[in-house]
Amino acid sequence: MMTATSNSYVARLRPLRLPRVCVAVTSSDPAEMLEKAEALVRDNAFLEFRLDYLPRPALALPKIKQFAEYHSHVVALATCRRVAAGGKFRGSVVSQLDILSKASASGCKW
């Protein structure tokens, strides 16, 4: 038999909300990357745009900016991982930082 006291104890043990899970969005095409993000945002509001999968990452930034403006509740981050770090980006560190800086200006939080 459960009492009111034991019920409230069990309720306190349950998490109040599910933890955030960051979902990586990849594609070799900027339009497809944003289509995937649109489909994912229905169930998850924490997305990582893997810019290193794109041959020309800067082409995705205007689309990401529109996405971020429309989905203001979404926490979006952008990464541009170098080959040495397990990514696909082969450009210089300077160009990597330039892309990430522009991604931040386009609405990515990190």
PDB file of N, CA and C in Angstrom:
ATOM      1  N   MET A   1       0.833  -1.175   0.000  1.00  0.00           N
ATOM      2  CA  MET A   1       0.000   0.000   0.000  1.00  0.00           C
ATOM      3  C   MET A   1       0.882   1.243   0.000  1.00  0.00           C
ATOM      4  N   MET A   2       0.633   2.128  -0.926  1.00  0.00           N
ATOM      5  CA  MET A   2       1.398   3.377  -1.029  1.00  0.00           C
ATOM      6  C   MET A   2       0.712   4.450  -0.197  1.00  0.00           C
ATOM      7  N   THR A   3       1.509   5.187   0.493  1.00  0.00           N
ATOM      8  CA  THR A   3       0.951   6.309   1.248  1.00  0.00           C
ATOM      9  C   THR A   3       1.268   7.601   0.525  1.00  0.00           C
ATOM     10  N   ALA A   4       0.656   8.681   0.941  1.00  0.00           N
ATOM     11  CA  ALA A   4       0.911   9.989   0.337  1.00  0.00           C
ATOM     12  C   ALA A   4       2.366  10.381   0.506  1.00  0.00           C
ATOM     13  N   THR A   5       2.964   9.999   1.628  1.00  0.00           N
ATOM     14  CA  THR A   5       4.358  10.341   1.872  1.00  0.00           C
ATOM     15  C   THR A   5       5.271   9.615   0.893  1.00  0.00           C
ATOM     16  N   SER A   6       5.038   8.329   0.669  1.00  0.00           N
ATOM     17  CA  SER A   6       5.905   7.592  -0.248  1.00  0.00           C
ATOM     18  C   SER A   6       5.693   8.038  -1.694  1.00  0.00           C
ATOM     19  N   ASN A   7       4.470   8.421  -2.058  1.00  0.00           N
ATOM     20  CA  ASN A   7       4.203   8.930  -3.406  1.00  0.00           C
ATOM     21  C   ASN A   7       4.979  10.216  -3.669  1.00  0.00           C
ATOM     22  N   SER A   8       5.008  11.128  -2.711  1.00  0.00           N
ATOM     23  CA  SER A   8       5.730  12.379  -2.927  1.00  0.00           C
ATOM     24  C   SER A   8       7.238  12.131  -2.993  1.00  0.00           C
ATOM     25  N   TYR A   9       7.732  11.120  -2.273  1.00  0.00           N
ATOM     26  CA  TYR A   9       9.146  10.785  -2.335  1.00  0.00           C
ATOM     27  C   TYR A   9       9.501  10.264  -3.732  1.00  0.00           C
ATOM     28  N   VAL A  10       8.678   9.387  -4.270  1.00  0.00           N
ATOM     29  CA  VAL A  10       8.916   8.847  -5.603  1.00  0.00           C
ATOM     30  C   VAL A  10       8.866   9.968  -6.633  1.00  0.00           C
ATOM     31  N   ALA A  11       7.935  10.886  -6.521  1.00  0.00           N
ATOM     32  CA  ALA A  11       7.827  12.007  -7.458  1.00  0.00           C
ATOM     33  C   ALA A  11       9.088  12.859  -7.432  1.00  0.00           C
ATOM     34  N   ARG A  12       9.705  13.014  -6.272  1.00  0.00           N
ATOM     35  CA  ARG A  12      10.924  13.813  -6.187  1.00  0.00           C
ATOM     36  C   ARG A  12      12.111  13.130  -6.855  1.00  0.00           C
ATOM     37  N   LEU A  13      12.079  11.827  -6.981  1.00  0.00           N
ATOM     38  CA  LEU A  13      13.175  11.102  -7.609  1.00  0.00           C
ATOM     39  C   LEU A  13      13.136  11.175  -9.126  1.00  0.00           C
ATOM     40  N   ARG A  14      11.968  11.405  -9.703  1.00  0.00           N
ATOM     41  CA  ARG A  14      11.849  11.501 -11.153  1.00  0.00           C
ATOM     42  C   ARG A  14      12.381  12.843 -11.638  1.00  0.00           C
ATOM     43  N   PRO A  15      13.103  12.855 -12.746  1.00  0.00           N
ATOM     44  CA  PRO A  15      13.582  14.142 -13.281  1.00  0.00           C
ATOM     45  C   PRO A  15      12.408  15.002 -13.720  1.00  0.00           C
ATOM     46  N   LEU A  16      12.545  16.291 -13.563  1.00  0.00           N
ATOM     47  CA  LEU A  16      11.493  17.219 -13.951  1.00  0.00           C
ATOM     48  C   LEU A  16      11.376  17.332 -15.466  1.00  0.00           C
ATOM     49  N   ARG A  17      12.472  17.167 -16.172  1.00  0.00           N
ATOM     50  CA  ARG A  17      12.445  17.210 -17.634  1.00  0.00           C
ATOM     51  C   ARG A  17      13.586  16.359 -18.170  1.00  0.00           C
ATOM     52  N   LEU A  18      13.461  15.983 -19.409  1.00  0.00           N
ATOM     53  CA  LEU A  18      14.505  15.179 -20.026  1.00  0.00           C
ATOM     54  C   LEU A  18      15.751  16.024 -20.252  1.00  0.00           C
ATOM     55  N   PRO A  19      16.926  15.424 -20.181  1.00  0.00           N
ATOM     56  CA  PRO A  19      18.144  16.198 -20.451  1.00  0.00           C
ATOM     57  C   PRO A  19      18.209  16.577 -21.921  1.00  0.00           C
ATOM     58  N   ARG A  20      18.919  17.651 -22.197  1.00  0.00           N
ATOM     59  CA  ARG A  20      19.091  18.089 -23.584  1.00  0.00           C
ATOM     60  C   ARG A  20      20.056  17.164 -24.304  1.00  0.00           C
ATOM     61  N   VAL A  21      19.702  16.864 -25.510  1.00  0.00           N
ATOM     62  CA  VAL A  21      20.563  16.065 -26.368  1.00  0.00           C
ATOM     63  C   VAL A  21      20.838  16.895 -27.607  1.00  0.00           C
ATOM     64  N   CYS A  22      22.092  17.044 -27.936  1.00  0.00           N
ATOM     65  CA  CYS A  22      22.468  17.799 -29.120  1.00  0.00           C
ATOM     66  C   CYS A  22      22.477  16.854 -30.316  1.00  0.00           C
ATOM     67  N   VAL A  23      21.737  17.229 -31.355  1.00  0.00           N
ATOM     68  CA  VAL A  23      21.652  16.413 -32.555  1.00  0.00           C
ATOM     69  C   VAL A  23      22.490  17.063 -33.646  1.00  0.00           C
ATOM     70  N   ALA A  24      23.428  16.301 -34.190  1.00  0.00           N
ATOM     71  CA  ALA A  24      24.287  16.807 -35.267  1.00  0.00           C
ATOM     72  C   ALA A  24      23.532  16.752 -36.590  1.00  0.00           C
ATOM     73  N   VAL A  25      23.632  17.839 -37.351  1.00  0.00           N
ATOM     74  CA  VAL A  25      23.001  17.927 -38.665  1.00  0.00           C
ATOM     75  C   VAL A  25      24.119  17.963 -39.697  1.00  0.00           C
ATOM     76  N   THR A  26      24.145  16.954 -40.566  1.00  0.00           N
ATOM     77  CA  THR A  26      25.204  16.854 -41.564  1.00  0.00           C
ATOM     78  C   THR A  26      24.618  16.766 -42.962  1.00  0.00           C
ATOM     79  N   SER A  27      25.377  17.238 -43.909  1.00  0.00           N
ATOM     80  CA  SER A  27      25.034  17.108 -45.319  1.00  0.00           C
ATOM     81  C   SER A  27      26.173  17.713 -46.132  1.00  0.00           C
ATOM     82  N   SER A  28      26.267  17.305 -47.377  1.00  0.00           N
ATOM     83  CA  SER A  28      27.245  17.917 -48.272  1.00  0.00           C
ATOM     84  C   SER A  28      26.610  19.044 -49.081  1.00  0.00           C
ATOM     85  N   ASP A  29      25.312  19.333 -48.805  1.00  0.00           N
ATOM     86  CA  ASP A  29      24.572  20.367 -49.518  1.00  0.00           C
ATOM     87  C   ASP A  29      23.881  21.284 -48.496  1.00  0.00           C
ATOM     88  N   PRO A  30      24.093  22.611 -48.562  1.00  0.00           N
ATOM     89  CA  PRO A  30      23.488  23.516 -47.584  1.00  0.00           C
ATOM     90  C   PRO A  30      21.954  23.419 -47.518  1.00  0.00           C
ATOM     91  N   ALA A  31      21.293  23.312 -48.666  1.00  0.00           N
ATOM     92  CA  ALA A  31      19.822  23.234 -48.663  1.00  0.00           C
ATOM     93  C   ALA A  31      19.356  21.963 -47.964  1.00  0.00           C
ATOM     94  N   GLU A  32      20.015  20.859 -48.243  1.00  0.00           N
ATOM     95  CA  GLU A  32      19.640  19.599 -47.594  1.00  0.00           C
ATOM     96  C   GLU A  32      19.909  19.652 -46.093  1.00  0.00           C
ATOM     97  N   MET A  33      21.011  20.307 -45.701  1.00  0.00           N
ATOM     98  CA  MET A  33      21.325  20.441 -44.278  1.00  0.00           C
ATOM     99  C   MET A  33      20.197  21.170 -43.549  1.00  0.00           C
ATOM    100  N   LEU A  34      19.689  22.230 -44.156  1.00  0.00           N
ATOM    101  CA  LEU A  34      18.618  22.988 -43.519  1.00  0.00           C
ATOM    102  C   LEU A  34      17.294  22.240 -43.550  1.00  0.00           C
ATOM    103  N   GLU A  35      17.051  21.453 -44.586  1.00  0.00           N
ATOM    104  CA  GLU A  35      15.851  20.605 -44.615  1.00  0.00           C
ATOM    105  C   GLU A  35      15.892  19.602 -43.468  1.00  0.00           C
ATOM    106  N   LYS A  36      17.045  19.013 -43.241  1.00  0.00           N
ATOM    107  CA  LYS A  36      17.203  18.077 -42.130  1.00  0.00           C
ATOM    108  C   LYS A  36      16.969  18.784 -40.797  1.00  0.00           C
ATOM    109  N   ALA A  37      17.511  19.989 -40.664  1.00  0.00           N
ATOM    110  CA  ALA A  37      17.331  20.753 -39.427  1.00  0.00           C
ATOM    111  C   ALA A  37      15.853  21.048 -39.192  1.00  0.00           C
ATOM    112  N   GLU A  38      15.133  21.411 -40.240  1.00  0.00           N
ATOM    113  CA  GLU A  38      13.693  21.666 -40.120  1.00  0.00           C
ATOM    114  C   GLU A  38      12.954  20.429 -39.621  1.00  0.00           C
ATOM    115  N   ALA A  39      13.323  19.269 -40.122  1.00  0.00           N
ATOM    116  CA  ALA A  39      12.678  18.035 -39.688  1.00  0.00           C
ATOM    117  C   ALA A  39      13.043  17.692 -38.242  1.00  0.00           C
ATOM    118  N   LEU A  40      14.268  17.949 -37.854  1.00  0.00           N
ATOM    119  CA  LEU A  40      14.725  17.618 -36.505  1.00  0.00           C
ATOM    120  C   LEU A  40      14.186  18.556 -35.438  1.00  0.00           C
ATOM    121  N   VAL A  41      13.975  19.815 -35.791  1.00  0.00           N
ATOM    122  CA  VAL A  41      13.617  20.822 -34.794  1.00  0.00           C
ATOM    123  C   VAL A  41      12.240  20.555 -34.176  1.00  0.00           C
ATOM    124  N   ARG A  42      11.440  19.761 -34.832  1.00  0.00           N
ATOM    125  CA  ARG A  42      10.123  19.422 -34.269  1.00  0.00           C
ATOM    126  C   ARG A  42      10.248  18.668 -32.952  1.00  0.00           C
ATOM    127  N   ASP A  43      11.299  17.858 -32.833  1.00  0.00           N
ATOM    128  CA  ASP A  43      11.478  17.016 -31.649  1.00  0.00           C
ATOM    129  C   ASP A  43      12.672  17.397 -30.789  1.00  0.00           C
ATOM    130  N   ASN A  44      13.529  18.267 -31.297  1.00  0.00           N
ATOM    131  CA  ASN A  44      14.732  18.606 -30.552  1.00  0.00           C
ATOM    132  C   ASN A  44      15.126  20.043 -30.834  1.00  0.00           C
ATOM    133  N   ALA A  45      15.331  20.795 -29.786  1.00  0.00           N
ATOM    134  CA  ALA A  45      15.655  22.213 -29.930  1.00  0.00           C
ATOM    135  C   ALA A  45      17.128  22.507 -29.650  1.00  0.00           C
ATOM    136  N   PHE A  46      17.987  21.503 -29.812  1.00  0.00           N
ATOM    137  CA  PHE A  46      19.417  21.687 -29.598  1.00  0.00           C
ATOM    138  C   PHE A  46      20.141  21.019 -30.769  1.00  0.00           C
ATOM    139  N   LEU A  47      20.580  21.826 -31.732  1.00  0.00           N
ATOM    140  CA  LEU A  47      21.152  21.307 -32.973  1.00  0.00           C
ATOM    141  C   LEU A  47      22.582  21.787 -33.186  1.00  0.00           C
ATOM    142  N   GLU A  48      23.374  20.899 -33.772  1.00  0.00           N
ATOM    143  CA  GLU A  48      24.751  21.224 -34.150  1.00  0.00           C
ATOM    144  C   GLU A  48      24.853  21.156 -35.672  1.00  0.00           C
ATOM    145  N   PHE A  49      25.163  22.272 -36.299  1.00  0.00           N
ATOM    146  CA  PHE A  49      25.395  22.303 -37.739  1.00  0.00           C
ATOM    147  C   PHE A  49      26.853  21.944 -37.990  1.00  0.00           C
ATOM    148  N   ARG A  50      27.094  20.790 -38.604  1.00  0.00           N
ATOM    149  CA  ARG A  50      28.454  20.330 -38.900  1.00  0.00           C
ATOM    150  C   ARG A  50      28.890  20.931 -40.231  1.00  0.00           C
ATOM    151  N   LEU A  51      29.427  22.131 -40.161  1.00  0.00           N
ATOM    152  CA  LEU A  51      29.831  22.858 -41.363  1.00  0.00           C
ATOM    153  C   LEU A  51      30.986  22.191 -42.103  1.00  0.00           C
ATOM    154  N   ASP A  52      31.763  21.388 -41.405  1.00  0.00           N
ATOM    155  CA  ASP A  52      32.892  20.722 -42.051  1.00  0.00           C
ATOM    156  C   ASP A  52      32.452  19.675 -43.082  1.00  0.00           C
ATOM    157  N   TYR A  53      31.193  19.280 -43.072  1.00  0.00           N
ATOM    158  CA  TYR A  53      30.685  18.334 -44.073  1.00  0.00           C
ATOM    159  C   TYR A  53      30.405  19.015 -45.410  1.00  0.00           C
ATOM    160  N   LEU A  54      30.342  20.333 -45.403  1.00  0.00           N
ATOM    161  CA  LEU A  54      30.033  21.085 -46.622  1.00  0.00           C
ATOM    162  C   LEU A  54      31.309  21.436 -47.375  1.00  0.00           C
ATOM    163  N   PRO A  55      31.311  21.309 -48.712  1.00  0.00           N
ATOM    164  CA  PRO A  55      32.504  21.696 -49.477  1.00  0.00           C
ATOM    165  C   PRO A  55      32.801  23.193 -49.355  1.00  0.00           C
ATOM    166  N   ARG A  56      31.740  24.006 -49.242  1.00  0.00           N
ATOM    167  CA  ARG A  56      31.900  25.456 -49.081  1.00  0.00           C
ATOM    168  C   ARG A  56      30.984  25.901 -47.928  1.00  0.00           C
ATOM    169  N   PRO A  57      31.476  25.777 -46.686  1.00  0.00           N
ATOM    170  CA  PRO A  57      30.646  26.022 -45.511  1.00  0.00           C
ATOM    171  C   PRO A  57      29.988  27.406 -45.470  1.00  0.00           C
ATOM    172  N   ALA A  58      30.652  28.424 -45.997  1.00  0.00           N
ATOM    173  CA  ALA A  58      30.108  29.787 -45.931  1.00  0.00           C
ATOM    174  C   ALA A  58      28.782  29.913 -46.677  1.00  0.00           C
ATOM    175  N   LEU A  59      28.537  29.042 -47.657  1.00  0.00           N
ATOM    176  CA  LEU A  59      27.282  29.116 -48.411  1.00  0.00           C
ATOM    177  C   LEU A  59      26.061  28.763 -47.562  1.00  0.00           C
ATOM    178  N   ALA A  60      26.270  28.045 -46.475  1.00  0.00           N
ATOM    179  CA  ALA A  60      25.157  27.666 -45.605  1.00  0.00           C
ATOM    180  C   ALA A  60      24.781  28.768 -44.618  1.00  0.00           C
ATOM    181  N   LEU A  61      25.656  29.718 -44.393  1.00  0.00           N
ATOM    182  CA  LEU A  61      25.434  30.698 -43.328  1.00  0.00           C
ATOM    183  C   LEU A  61      24.189  31.567 -43.514  1.00  0.00           C
ATOM    184  N   PRO A  62      23.875  32.051 -44.714  1.00  0.00           N
ATOM    185  CA  PRO A  62      22.624  32.817 -44.857  1.00  0.00           C
ATOM    186  C   PRO A  62      21.386  31.968 -44.532  1.00  0.00           C
ATOM    187  N   LYS A  63      21.415  30.694 -44.891  1.00  0.00           N
ATOM    188  CA  LYS A  63      20.296  29.793 -44.602  1.00  0.00           C
ATOM    189  C   LYS A  63      20.204  29.520 -43.101  1.00  0.00           C
ATOM    190  N   ILE A  64      21.347  29.370 -42.464  1.00  0.00           N
ATOM    191  CA  ILE A  64      21.363  29.159 -41.013  1.00  0.00           C
ATOM    192  C   ILE A  64      20.825  30.400 -40.300  1.00  0.00           C
ATOM    193  N   LYS A  65      21.175  31.574 -40.804  1.00  0.00           N
ATOM    194  CA  LYS A  65      20.673  32.815 -40.204  1.00  0.00           C
ATOM    195  C   LYS A  65      19.151  32.871 -40.291  1.00  0.00           C
ATOM    196  N   GLN A  66      18.584  32.551 -41.436  1.00  0.00           N
ATOM    197  CA  GLN A  66      17.120  32.525 -41.587  1.00  0.00           C
ATOM    198  C   GLN A  66      16.507  31.495 -40.640  1.00  0.00           C
ATOM    199  N   PHE A  67      17.124  30.336 -40.563  1.00  0.00           N
ATOM    200  CA  PHE A  67      16.648  29.275 -39.672  1.00  0.00           C
ATOM    201  C   PHE A  67      16.641  29.761 -38.218  1.00  0.00           C
ATOM    202  N   ALA A  68      17.748  30.354 -37.784  1.00  0.00           N
ATOM    203  CA  ALA A  68      17.877  30.821 -36.401  1.00  0.00           C
ATOM    204  C   ALA A  68      16.872  31.929 -36.087  1.00  0.00           C
ATOM    205  N   GLU A  69      16.620  32.806 -37.039  1.00  0.00           N
ATOM    206  CA  GLU A  69      15.642  33.878 -36.822  1.00  0.00           C
ATOM    207  C   GLU A  69      14.224  33.320 -36.707  1.00  0.00           C
ATOM    208  N   TYR A  70      13.894  32.332 -37.522  1.00  0.00           N
ATOM    209  CA  TYR A  70      12.559  31.747 -37.509  1.00  0.00           C
ATOM    210  C   TYR A  70      12.347  30.855 -36.287  1.00  0.00           C
ATOM    211  N   HIS A  71      13.387  30.132 -35.889  1.00  0.00           N
ATOM    212  CA  HIS A  71      13.313  29.208 -34.749  1.00  0.00           C
ATOM    213  C   HIS A  71      14.100  29.790 -33.579  1.00  0.00           C
ATOM    214  N   SER A  72      13.617  30.869 -33.029  1.00  0.00           N
ATOM    215  CA  SER A  72      14.362  31.560 -31.962  1.00  0.00           C
ATOM    216  C   SER A  72      14.480  30.725 -30.688  1.00  0.00           C
ATOM    217  N   HIS A  73      13.636  29.724 -30.522  1.00  0.00           N
ATOM    218  CA  HIS A  73      13.708  28.862 -29.340  1.00  0.00           C
ATOM    219  C   HIS A  73      14.802  27.800 -29.438  1.00  0.00           C
ATOM    220  N   VAL A  74      15.374  27.638 -30.608  1.00  0.00           N
ATOM    221  CA  VAL A  74      16.377  26.608 -30.845  1.00  0.00           C
ATOM    222  C   VAL A  74      17.757  27.091 -30.406  1.00  0.00           C
ATOM    223  N   VAL A  75      18.476  26.219 -29.743  1.00  0.00           N
ATOM    224  CA  VAL A  75      19.881  26.473 -29.449  1.00  0.00           C
ATOM    225  C   VAL A  75      20.661  25.793 -30.563  1.00  0.00           C
ATOM    226  N   ALA A  76      21.254  26.599 -31.414  1.00  0.00           N
ATOM    227  CA  ALA A  76      22.022  26.076 -32.540  1.00  0.00           C
ATOM    228  C   ALA A  76      23.492  26.381 -32.312  1.00  0.00           C
ATOM    229  N   LEU A  77      24.302  25.410 -32.592  1.00  0.00           N
ATOM    230  CA  LEU A  77      25.735  25.650 -32.564  1.00  0.00           C
ATOM    231  C   LEU A  77      26.312  25.193 -33.884  1.00  0.00           C
ATOM    232  N   ALA A  78      27.440  25.733 -34.228  1.00  0.00           N
ATOM    233  CA  ALA A  78      28.111  25.366 -35.474  1.00  0.00           C
ATOM    234  C   ALA A  78      29.502  24.857 -35.139  1.00  0.00           C
ATOM    235  N   THR A  79      29.872  23.787 -35.806  1.00  0.00           N
ATOM    236  CA  THR A  79      31.229  23.282 -35.677  1.00  0.00           C
ATOM    237  C   THR A  79      31.813  23.134 -37.072  1.00  0.00           C
ATOM    238  N   CYS A  80      33.108  23.255 -37.127  1.00  0.00           N
ATOM    239  CA  CYS A  80      33.838  23.097 -38.379  1.00  0.00           C
ATOM    240  C   CYS A  80      35.121  22.351 -38.010  1.00  0.00           C
ATOM    241  N   ARG A  81      34.967  21.073 -37.803  1.00  0.00           N
ATOM    242  CA  ARG A  81      36.048  20.264 -37.258  1.00  0.00           C
ATOM    243  C   ARG A  81      37.111  19.948 -38.308  1.00  0.00           C
ATOM    244  N   ARG A  82      38.320  20.121 -37.892  1.00  0.00           N
ATOM    245  CA  ARG A  82      39.463  19.826 -38.759  1.00  0.00           C
ATOM    246  C   ARG A  82      39.653  18.308 -38.842  1.00  0.00           C
ATOM    247  N   VAL A  83      40.340  17.863 -39.870  1.00  0.00           N
ATOM    248  CA  VAL A  83      40.596  16.440 -40.085  1.00  0.00           C
ATOM    249  C   VAL A  83      41.280  15.835 -38.855  1.00  0.00           C
ATOM    250  N   ALA A  84      42.239  16.555 -38.283  1.00  0.00           N
ATOM    251  CA  ALA A  84      42.974  16.064 -37.116  1.00  0.00           C
ATOM    252  C   ALA A  84      42.062  15.851 -35.908  1.00  0.00           C
ATOM    253  N   ALA A  85      40.913  16.513 -35.895  1.00  0.00           N
ATOM    254  CA  ALA A  85      39.967  16.392 -34.782  1.00  0.00           C
ATOM    255  C   ALA A  85      38.783  15.495 -35.151  1.00  0.00           C
ATOM    256  N   GLY A  86      38.930  14.733 -36.230  1.00  0.00           N
ATOM    257  CA  GLY A  86      37.873  13.816 -36.626  1.00  0.00           C
ATOM    258  C   GLY A  86      36.845  14.404 -37.586  1.00  0.00           C
ATOM    259  N   GLY A  87      37.099  15.622 -38.070  1.00  0.00           N
ATOM    260  CA  GLY A  87      36.182  16.272 -38.999  1.00  0.00           C
ATOM    261  C   GLY A  87      36.624  16.121 -40.439  1.00  0.00           C
ATOM    262  N   LYS A  88      36.025  16.948 -41.290  1.00  0.00           N
ATOM    263  CA  LYS A  88      36.319  16.878 -42.722  1.00  0.00           C
ATOM    264  C   LYS A  88      36.912  18.175 -43.267  1.00  0.00           C
ATOM    265  N   PHE A  89      37.082  19.177 -42.404  1.00  0.00           N
ATOM    266  CA  PHE A  89      37.565  20.473 -42.872  1.00  0.00           C
ATOM    267  C   PHE A  89      39.073  20.410 -43.123  1.00  0.00           C
ATOM    268  N   ARG A  90      39.480  20.803 -44.326  1.00  0.00           N
ATOM    269  CA  ARG A  90      40.897  20.754 -44.709  1.00  0.00           C
ATOM    270  C   ARG A  90      41.514  22.137 -44.889  1.00  0.00           C
ATOM    271  N   GLY A  91      40.751  23.183 -44.593  1.00  0.00           N
ATOM    272  CA  GLY A  91      41.270  24.539 -44.732  1.00  0.00           C
ATOM    273  C   GLY A  91      42.204  24.902 -43.594  1.00  0.00           C
ATOM    274  N   SER A  92      42.697  26.115 -43.644  1.00  0.00           N
ATOM    275  CA  SER A  92      43.620  26.604 -42.613  1.00  0.00           C
ATOM    276  C   SER A  92      42.871  26.905 -41.316  1.00  0.00           C
ATOM    277  N   VAL A  93      43.623  27.027 -40.243  1.00  0.00           N
ATOM    278  CA  VAL A  93      43.030  27.393 -38.953  1.00  0.00           C
ATOM    279  C   VAL A  93      42.385  28.774 -39.062  1.00  0.00           C
ATOM    280  N   VAL A  94      43.026  29.684 -39.791  1.00  0.00           N
ATOM    281  CA  VAL A  94      42.478  31.036 -39.969  1.00  0.00           C
ATOM    282  C   VAL A  94      41.119  30.970 -40.661  1.00  0.00           C
ATOM    283  N   SER A  95      41.003  30.152 -41.716  1.00  0.00           N
ATOM    284  CA  SER A  95      39.720  30.057 -42.414  1.00  0.00           C
ATOM    285  C   SER A  95      38.683  29.331 -41.557  1.00  0.00           C
ATOM    286  N   GLN A  96      39.117  28.386 -40.759  1.00  0.00           N
ATOM    287  CA  GLN A  96      38.210  27.708 -39.832  1.00  0.00           C
ATOM    288  C   GLN A  96      37.624  28.706 -38.834  1.00  0.00           C
ATOM    289  N   LEU A  97      38.474  29.525 -38.244  1.00  0.00           N
ATOM    290  CA  LEU A  97      38.008  30.523 -37.281  1.00  0.00           C
ATOM    291  C   LEU A  97      37.112  31.572 -37.943  1.00  0.00           C
ATOM    292  N   ASP A  98      37.406  31.913 -39.187  1.00  0.00           N
ATOM    293  CA  ASP A  98      36.579  32.860 -39.926  1.00  0.00           C
ATOM    294  C   ASP A  98      35.171  32.297 -40.126  1.00  0.00           C
ATOM    295  N   ILE A  99      35.084  31.038 -40.522  1.00  0.00           N
ATOM    296  CA  ILE A  99      33.780  30.396 -40.722  1.00  0.00           C
ATOM    297  C   ILE A  99      33.003  30.353 -39.408  1.00  0.00           C
ATOM    298  N   LEU A 100      33.660  29.975 -38.325  1.00  0.00           N
ATOM    299  CA  LEU A 100      32.986  29.891 -37.030  1.00  0.00           C
ATOM    300  C   LEU A 100      32.546  31.260 -36.533  1.00  0.00           C
ATOM    301  N   SER A 101      33.354  32.260 -36.768  1.00  0.00           N
ATOM    302  CA  SER A 101      32.974  33.626 -36.384  1.00  0.00           C
ATOM    303  C   SER A 101      31.744  34.071 -37.154  1.00  0.00           C
ATOM    304  N   LYS A 102      31.713  33.789 -38.451  1.00  0.00           N
ATOM    305  CA  LYS A 102      30.557  34.143 -39.272  1.00  0.00           C
ATOM    306  C   LYS A 102      29.331  33.333 -38.882  1.00  0.00           C
ATOM    307  N   ALA A 103      29.515  32.093 -38.467  1.00  0.00           N
ATOM    308  CA  ALA A 103      28.399  31.280 -37.989  1.00  0.00           C
ATOM    309  C   ALA A 103      27.792  31.879 -36.730  1.00  0.00           C
ATOM    310  N   SER A 104      28.649  32.366 -35.862  1.00  0.00           N
ATOM    311  CA  SER A 104      28.171  33.029 -34.649  1.00  0.00           C
ATOM    312  C   SER A 104      27.365  34.271 -34.994  1.00  0.00           C
ATOM    313  N   ALA A 105      27.840  35.043 -35.954  1.00  0.00           N
ATOM    314  CA  ALA A 105      27.119  36.240 -36.390  1.00  0.00           C
ATOM    315  C   ALA A 105      25.817  35.877 -37.099  1.00  0.00           C
ATOM    316  N   SER A 106      25.707  34.647 -37.579  1.00  0.00           N
ATOM    317  CA  SER A 106      24.505  34.204 -38.283  1.00  0.00           C
ATOM    318  C   SER A 106      23.463  33.611 -37.336  1.00  0.00           C
ATOM    319  N   GLY A 107      23.737  33.602 -36.052  1.00  0.00           N
ATOM    320  CA  GLY A 107      22.740  33.155 -35.091  1.00  0.00           C
ATOM    321  C   GLY A 107      23.095  31.927 -34.309  1.00  0.00           C
ATOM    322  N   CYS A 108      24.224  31.304 -34.582  1.00  0.00           N
ATOM    323  CA  CYS A 108      24.629  30.141 -33.795  1.00  0.00           C
ATOM    324  C   CYS A 108      25.119  30.637 -32.439  1.00  0.00           C
ATOM    325  N   LYS A 109      24.696  29.953 -31.400  1.00  0.00           N
ATOM    326  CA  LYS A 109      25.022  30.375 -30.035  1.00  0.00           C
ATOM    327  C   LYS A 109      26.479  30.092 -29.688  1.00  0.00           C
ATOM    328  N   TRP A 110      27.008  28.997 -30.194  1.00  0.00           N
ATOM    329  CA  TRP A 110      28.392  28.623 -29.904  1.00  0.00           C
ATOM    330  C   TRP A 110      29.127  28.428 -31.190  1.00  0.00           C
TER     331      TRP A 110
END
